[in-house]
């Protein structure tokens, strides 16, 4: 009979810990998180797209010319 209230308390504590960790991981990430993307230049993005095969050599050259000029 006493097992159900104890189980309920354990589940509530586990839920609080789970939500606390999830919230803190999302909102208190390291200050460096996202730094690479914010300092990434248009040319860097273009090079990555070319490396992934998303654009052809001609498209890369044309876009690079637009960016550099």
N, C-alpha and C. Protein backbone atom coordinates (compact mmCIF):
# COMPACT_ATOMS: atom_id res chain seq x y z
N UNK A 1 0.81 -1.19 0.00
CA UNK A 1 0.00 0.00 0.00
C UNK A 1 0.86 1.26 0.00
N UNK A 2 1.96 1.26 0.72
CA UNK A 2 2.83 2.43 0.81
C UNK A 2 3.72 2.56 -0.42
N UNK A 3 3.75 1.55 -1.28
CA UNK A 3 4.63 1.57 -2.45
C UNK A 3 4.17 2.59 -3.50
N UNK A 4 2.87 2.75 -3.70
CA UNK A 4 2.37 3.67 -4.73
C UNK A 4 2.71 5.13 -4.44
N UNK A 5 2.52 5.63 -3.24
CA UNK A 5 2.92 7.02 -2.97
C UNK A 5 4.43 7.23 -3.14
N UNK A 6 5.21 6.24 -2.73
CA UNK A 6 6.67 6.34 -2.89
C UNK A 6 7.04 6.37 -4.37
N UNK A 7 6.41 5.51 -5.15
CA UNK A 7 6.65 5.48 -6.59
C UNK A 7 6.25 6.81 -7.24
N UNK A 8 5.15 7.38 -6.82
CA UNK A 8 4.70 8.66 -7.36
C UNK A 8 5.70 9.76 -7.04
N UNK A 9 6.22 9.78 -5.83
CA UNK A 9 7.22 10.79 -5.45
C UNK A 9 8.49 10.63 -6.28
N UNK A 10 8.94 9.40 -6.48
CA UNK A 10 10.13 9.15 -7.30
C UNK A 10 9.90 9.61 -8.73
N UNK A 11 8.74 9.33 -9.29
CA UNK A 11 8.44 9.76 -10.66
C UNK A 11 8.39 11.28 -10.78
N UNK A 12 7.83 11.95 -9.81
CA UNK A 12 7.77 13.41 -9.83
C UNK A 12 9.18 14.00 -9.75
N UNK A 13 10.02 13.45 -8.88
CA UNK A 13 11.41 13.93 -8.77
C UNK A 13 12.16 13.68 -10.08
N UNK A 14 11.97 12.51 -10.69
CA UNK A 14 12.63 12.20 -11.95
C UNK A 14 12.17 13.16 -13.05
N UNK A 15 10.90 13.49 -13.07
CA UNK A 15 10.38 14.43 -14.06
C UNK A 15 10.98 15.82 -13.87
N UNK A 16 11.08 16.25 -12.63
CA UNK A 16 11.66 17.56 -12.34
C UNK A 16 13.13 17.60 -12.77
N UNK A 17 13.88 16.55 -12.48
CA UNK A 17 15.29 16.48 -12.87
C UNK A 17 15.41 16.48 -14.39
N UNK A 18 14.59 15.69 -15.07
CA UNK A 18 14.62 15.61 -16.52
C UNK A 18 14.34 16.97 -17.16
N UNK A 19 13.28 17.61 -16.71
CA UNK A 19 12.92 18.92 -17.27
C UNK A 19 13.96 19.97 -16.93
N UNK A 20 14.53 19.90 -15.74
CA UNK A 20 15.56 20.85 -15.35
C UNK A 20 16.80 20.73 -16.22
N UNK A 21 17.22 19.51 -16.48
CA UNK A 21 18.40 19.31 -17.34
C UNK A 21 18.11 19.73 -18.78
N UNK A 22 16.94 19.43 -19.24
CA UNK A 22 16.58 19.80 -20.61
C UNK A 22 16.53 21.31 -20.77
N UNK A 23 15.95 21.99 -19.80
CA UNK A 23 15.85 23.44 -19.84
C UNK A 23 17.23 24.08 -19.74
N UNK A 24 18.05 23.60 -18.83
CA UNK A 24 19.36 24.21 -18.63
C UNK A 24 20.28 23.94 -19.82
N UNK A 25 20.17 22.80 -20.46
CA UNK A 25 21.01 22.50 -21.62
C UNK A 25 20.65 23.39 -22.79
N UNK A 26 19.40 23.76 -22.91
CA UNK A 26 18.95 24.58 -24.03
C UNK A 26 19.30 26.05 -23.80
N UNK A 27 19.15 26.54 -22.61
CA UNK A 27 19.29 27.97 -22.35
C UNK A 27 20.63 28.39 -21.80
N UNK A 28 21.40 27.47 -21.30
CA UNK A 28 22.67 27.84 -20.70
C UNK A 28 23.82 27.13 -21.40
N UNK A 29 23.79 27.10 -22.72
CA UNK A 29 24.87 26.48 -23.45
C UNK A 29 26.11 27.36 -23.35
N UNK A 30 27.22 26.82 -23.76
CA UNK A 30 28.48 27.55 -23.63
C UNK A 30 28.45 28.84 -24.45
N UNK A 31 29.19 29.85 -24.02
CA UNK A 31 29.18 31.13 -24.74
C UNK A 31 29.71 31.01 -26.17
N UNK A 32 30.49 29.97 -26.44
CA UNK A 32 31.05 29.80 -27.78
C UNK A 32 30.09 29.12 -28.73
N UNK A 33 28.96 28.65 -28.25
CA UNK A 33 28.01 27.96 -29.11
C UNK A 33 27.49 28.90 -30.19
N UNK A 34 27.59 28.46 -31.44
CA UNK A 34 27.10 29.27 -32.54
C UNK A 34 28.08 30.30 -33.03
N UNK A 35 29.24 30.39 -32.43
CA UNK A 35 30.22 31.40 -32.83
C UNK A 35 30.70 31.16 -34.25
N UNK A 36 30.91 29.89 -34.60
CA UNK A 36 31.41 29.58 -35.93
C UNK A 36 30.44 30.06 -37.01
N UNK A 37 29.16 29.89 -36.78
CA UNK A 37 28.19 30.28 -37.78
C UNK A 37 28.08 31.79 -37.88
N UNK A 38 28.23 32.50 -36.78
CA UNK A 38 28.07 33.95 -36.82
C UNK A 38 29.26 34.63 -37.48
N UNK A 39 30.44 33.99 -37.46
CA UNK A 39 31.61 34.59 -38.08
C UNK A 39 31.88 34.01 -39.47
N UNK A 40 31.02 33.13 -39.91
CA UNK A 40 31.18 32.50 -41.21
C UNK A 40 30.85 33.51 -42.32
N UNK A 41 31.76 33.66 -43.26
CA UNK A 41 31.54 34.62 -44.34
C UNK A 41 30.74 33.97 -45.47
N UNK A 42 30.28 34.80 -46.37
CA UNK A 42 29.53 34.29 -47.52
C UNK A 42 30.41 33.37 -48.37
N UNK A 43 31.69 33.71 -48.46
CA UNK A 43 32.61 32.88 -49.24
C UNK A 43 32.79 31.52 -48.58
N UNK A 44 32.85 31.48 -47.25
CA UNK A 44 32.95 30.21 -46.54
C UNK A 44 31.74 29.33 -46.82
N UNK A 45 30.57 29.92 -46.77
CA UNK A 45 29.34 29.18 -47.04
C UNK A 45 29.34 28.67 -48.48
N UNK A 46 29.78 29.51 -49.40
CA UNK A 46 29.83 29.12 -50.81
C UNK A 46 30.78 27.94 -51.00
N UNK A 47 31.93 27.99 -50.35
CA UNK A 47 32.91 26.90 -50.46
C UNK A 47 32.34 25.60 -49.91
N UNK A 48 31.60 25.68 -48.81
CA UNK A 48 30.99 24.48 -48.24
C UNK A 48 29.94 23.91 -49.17
N UNK A 49 29.15 24.77 -49.78
CA UNK A 49 28.12 24.30 -50.71
C UNK A 49 28.75 23.61 -51.91
N UNK A 50 29.86 24.15 -52.40
CA UNK A 50 30.56 23.55 -53.53
C UNK A 50 31.16 22.20 -53.12
N UNK A 51 31.73 22.17 -51.92
CA UNK A 51 32.33 20.93 -51.43
C UNK A 51 31.29 19.83 -51.24
N UNK A 52 30.08 20.20 -50.85
CA UNK A 52 29.01 19.22 -50.67
C UNK A 52 28.39 18.79 -51.99
N UNK A 53 28.72 19.50 -53.07
CA UNK A 53 28.16 19.16 -54.37
C UNK A 53 26.80 19.79 -54.62
N UNK A 54 26.45 20.78 -53.83
CA UNK A 54 25.15 21.44 -53.99
C UNK A 54 25.13 22.35 -55.21
N UNK A 55 26.29 22.84 -55.62
CA UNK A 55 26.38 23.73 -56.78
C UNK A 55 27.50 23.24 -57.69
N UNK A 56 27.41 23.60 -58.96
CA UNK A 56 28.42 23.19 -59.94
C UNK A 56 29.60 24.15 -59.90
N UNK A 57 30.65 23.79 -60.62
CA UNK A 57 31.85 24.64 -60.70
C UNK A 57 31.52 25.99 -61.32
N UNK A 58 30.70 25.98 -62.36
CA UNK A 58 30.32 27.24 -63.01
C UNK A 58 29.53 28.14 -62.05
N UNK A 59 28.60 27.55 -61.32
CA UNK A 59 27.83 28.33 -60.34
C UNK A 59 28.75 28.88 -59.25
N UNK A 60 29.69 28.04 -58.80
CA UNK A 60 30.63 28.47 -57.78
C UNK A 60 31.45 29.67 -58.26
N UNK A 61 31.99 29.56 -59.47
CA UNK A 61 32.82 30.65 -60.01
C UNK A 61 32.01 31.94 -60.17
N UNK A 62 30.78 31.81 -60.66
CA UNK A 62 29.94 32.99 -60.85
C UNK A 62 29.60 33.65 -59.51
N UNK A 63 29.21 32.84 -58.54
CA UNK A 63 28.86 33.39 -57.23
C UNK A 63 30.08 33.96 -56.51
N UNK A 64 31.21 33.31 -56.67
CA UNK A 64 32.44 33.80 -56.04
C UNK A 64 32.81 35.16 -56.62
N UNK A 65 32.65 35.29 -57.93
CA UNK A 65 32.95 36.57 -58.58
C UNK A 65 32.04 37.66 -58.03
N UNK A 66 30.77 37.35 -57.84
CA UNK A 66 29.82 38.33 -57.28
C UNK A 66 30.19 38.71 -55.85
N UNK A 67 30.61 37.74 -55.06
CA UNK A 67 30.95 38.00 -53.66
C UNK A 67 32.22 38.83 -53.54
N UNK A 68 33.23 38.46 -54.30
CA UNK A 68 34.54 39.12 -54.19
C UNK A 68 34.50 40.54 -54.71
N UNK A 69 33.71 40.77 -55.74
CA UNK A 69 33.68 42.11 -56.33
C UNK A 69 32.85 43.10 -55.55
